[in-house]
Amino acid sequence: MQEDQISLIRQNKLPAILDNKCHLALQKDKFLLTKSHGHGDIHYLLYQSGQAKQWLKEGKKYMTQFMDTNAFAFNCVPSTIGVSIKL
């Protein structure tokens, strides 16, 4: 039996937009403020990195994701996975 592994995929950063007029956000030192692409980017990263194909090839059926901006998500991950498996 193969040991379960954790896969980490890192998002690149893009310049942050300050307002609806698309002004670029600057840090206090006047350098450009950058942030990750956002929550929806994970699907593209899984495809682009080949990770989704690898999991399919390995027969994986479930995965979970979290963003580092929502530490409370860990509280519901076990229940969410359990419900998914039960269904």
C-alpha atoms as a PDB file:
ATOM      1  CA  MET A   1       0.000   0.000   0.000  1.00  0.00           C
ATOM      2  CA  GLN A   2       1.354   3.411  -0.986  1.00  0.00           C
ATOM      3  CA  GLU A   3       1.775   5.932   1.784  1.00  0.00           C
ATOM      4  CA  ASP A   4      -0.431   9.039   1.496  1.00  0.00           C
ATOM      5  CA  GLN A   5       1.449  12.123   0.457  1.00  0.00           C
ATOM      6  CA  ILE A   6       0.795  15.816   0.773  1.00  0.00           C
ATOM      7  CA  SER A   7       1.246  17.899  -2.363  1.00  0.00           C
ATOM      8  CA  LEU A   8       1.933  21.597  -2.145  1.00  0.00           C
ATOM      9  CA  ILE A   9       1.449  23.933  -5.073  1.00  0.00           C
ATOM     10  CA  ARG A  10       2.484  27.540  -4.683  1.00  0.00           C
ATOM     11  CA  GLN A  11       0.693  30.397  -6.406  1.00  0.00           C
ATOM     12  CA  ASN A  12       2.738  33.120  -8.034  1.00  0.00           C
ATOM     13  CA  LYS A  13       1.978  36.698  -7.129  1.00  0.00           C
ATOM     14  CA  LEU A  14       0.573  39.508  -9.261  1.00  0.00           C
ATOM     15  CA  PRO A  15       0.459  43.264  -8.696  1.00  0.00           C
ATOM     16  CA  ALA A  16      -2.390  44.183  -6.344  1.00  0.00           C
ATOM     17  CA  ILE A  17      -5.092  46.540  -7.589  1.00  0.00           C
ATOM     18  CA  LEU A  18      -5.951  49.344  -5.179  1.00  0.00           C
ATOM     19  CA  ASP A  19      -9.374  50.440  -6.402  1.00  0.00           C
ATOM     20  CA  ASN A  20     -11.991  50.258  -9.184  1.00  0.00           C
ATOM     21  CA  LYS A  21      -9.877  52.631 -11.307  1.00  0.00           C
ATOM     22  CA  CYS A  22      -7.130  49.972 -11.369  1.00  0.00           C
ATOM     23  CA  HIS A  23      -4.492  51.979  -9.541  1.00  0.00           C
ATOM     24  CA  LEU A  24      -1.656  49.707  -8.484  1.00  0.00           C
ATOM     25  CA  ALA A  25      -1.184  49.287  -4.735  1.00  0.00           C
ATOM     26  CA  LEU A  26       2.170  50.278  -3.270  1.00  0.00           C
ATOM     27  CA  GLN A  27       3.789  49.254  -0.020  1.00  0.00           C
ATOM     28  CA  LYS A  28       5.037  51.885   2.452  1.00  0.00           C
ATOM     29  CA  ASP A  29       8.509  51.648   0.883  1.00  0.00           C
ATOM     30  CA  LYS A  30       6.928  52.481  -2.521  1.00  0.00           C
ATOM     31  CA  PHE A  31       7.555  48.984  -3.902  1.00  0.00           C
ATOM     32  CA  LEU A  32       4.690  47.337  -5.717  1.00  0.00           C
ATOM     33  CA  LEU A  33       2.378  45.309  -3.471  1.00  0.00           C
ATOM     34  CA  THR A  34       1.795  41.821  -4.837  1.00  0.00           C
ATOM     35  CA  LYS A  35      -0.747  39.184  -3.881  1.00  0.00           C
ATOM     36  CA  SER A  36      -1.698  35.712  -5.044  1.00  0.00           C
ATOM     37  CA  HIS A  37      -4.106  35.241  -7.964  1.00  0.00           C
ATOM     38  CA  GLY A  38      -6.986  34.305  -5.685  1.00  0.00           C
ATOM     39  CA  HIS A  39      -9.065  31.285  -4.738  1.00  0.00           C
ATOM     40  CA  GLY A  40     -10.115  30.255  -8.250  1.00  0.00           C
ATOM     41  CA  ASP A  41      -6.551  29.920  -9.482  1.00  0.00           C
ATOM     42  CA  ILE A  42      -6.077  26.567  -7.713  1.00  0.00           C
ATOM     43  CA  HIS A  43      -7.915  24.647 -10.439  1.00  0.00           C
ATOM     44  CA  TYR A  44      -5.602  26.008 -13.132  1.00  0.00           C
ATOM     45  CA  LEU A  45      -2.524  25.268 -11.001  1.00  0.00           C
ATOM     46  CA  LEU A  46      -3.626  21.662 -10.433  1.00  0.00           C
ATOM     47  CA  TYR A  47      -4.001  21.233 -14.189  1.00  0.00           C
ATOM     48  CA  GLN A  48      -0.853  23.132 -15.212  1.00  0.00           C
ATOM     49  CA  SER A  49       1.395  21.372 -12.700  1.00  0.00           C
ATOM     50  CA  GLY A  50       0.175  17.936 -13.786  1.00  0.00           C
ATOM     51  CA  GLN A  51      -0.938  17.198 -10.228  1.00  0.00           C
ATOM     52  CA  ALA A  52      -4.558  16.472 -11.221  1.00  0.00           C
ATOM     53  CA  LYS A  53      -3.428  13.887 -13.812  1.00  0.00           C
ATOM     54  CA  GLN A  54      -1.068  12.324 -11.308  1.00  0.00           C
ATOM     55  CA  TRP A  55      -3.835  11.946  -8.712  1.00  0.00           C
ATOM     56  CA  LEU A  56      -6.163  10.440 -11.333  1.00  0.00           C
ATOM     57  CA  LYS A  57      -3.447   7.984 -12.356  1.00  0.00           C
ATOM     58  CA  GLU A  58      -2.955   7.031  -8.677  1.00  0.00           C
ATOM     59  CA  GLY A  59      -6.686   6.432  -8.242  1.00  0.00           C
ATOM     60  CA  LYS A  60      -7.191   9.271  -5.761  1.00  0.00           C
ATOM     61  CA  LYS A  61     -10.851  10.156  -5.259  1.00  0.00           C
ATOM     62  CA  TYR A  62     -10.770  12.987  -2.732  1.00  0.00           C
ATOM     63  CA  MET A  63      -8.779  16.107  -2.084  1.00  0.00           C
ATOM     64  CA  THR A  64      -9.183  19.173   0.006  1.00  0.00           C
ATOM     65  CA  GLN A  65      -7.698  22.621  -0.242  1.00  0.00           C
ATOM     66  CA  PHE A  66      -7.336  25.596   2.019  1.00  0.00           C
ATOM     67  CA  MET A  67      -6.077  29.110   1.694  1.00  0.00           C
ATOM     68  CA  ASP A  68      -3.677  30.455   4.272  1.00  0.00           C
ATOM     69  CA  THR A  69      -6.095  33.339   4.860  1.00  0.00           C
ATOM     70  CA  ASN A  70      -8.670  31.013   6.476  1.00  0.00           C
ATOM     71  CA  ALA A  71      -7.103  29.011   9.289  1.00  0.00           C
ATOM     72  CA  PHE A  72     -10.562  28.154  10.689  1.00  0.00           C
ATOM     73  CA  ALA A  73     -11.216  25.967   7.645  1.00  0.00           C
ATOM     74  CA  PHE A  74      -9.219  23.220   9.354  1.00  0.00           C
ATOM     75  CA  ASN A  75     -12.058  22.807  11.851  1.00  0.00           C
ATOM     76  CA  CYS A  76     -14.455  21.533   9.196  1.00  0.00           C
ATOM     77  CA  VAL A  77     -12.080  19.597   6.902  1.00  0.00           C
ATOM     78  CA  PRO A  78     -12.489  16.187   8.623  1.00  0.00           C
ATOM     79  CA  SER A  79     -16.292  16.453   8.578  1.00  0.00           C
ATOM     80  CA  THR A  80     -16.344  17.569   4.955  1.00  0.00           C
ATOM     81  CA  ILE A  81     -14.171  14.667   3.848  1.00  0.00           C
ATOM     82  CA  GLY A  82     -16.257  12.217   5.900  1.00  0.00           C
ATOM     83  CA  VAL A  83     -19.500  13.393   4.325  1.00  0.00           C
ATOM     84  CA  SER A  84     -17.970  13.202   0.827  1.00  0.00           C
ATOM     85  CA  ILE A  85     -16.825   9.615   1.374  1.00  0.00           C
ATOM     86  CA  LYS A  86     -20.172   8.592   2.883  1.00  0.00           C
ATOM     87  CA  LEU A  87     -22.086   9.928  -0.145  1.00  0.00           C
END
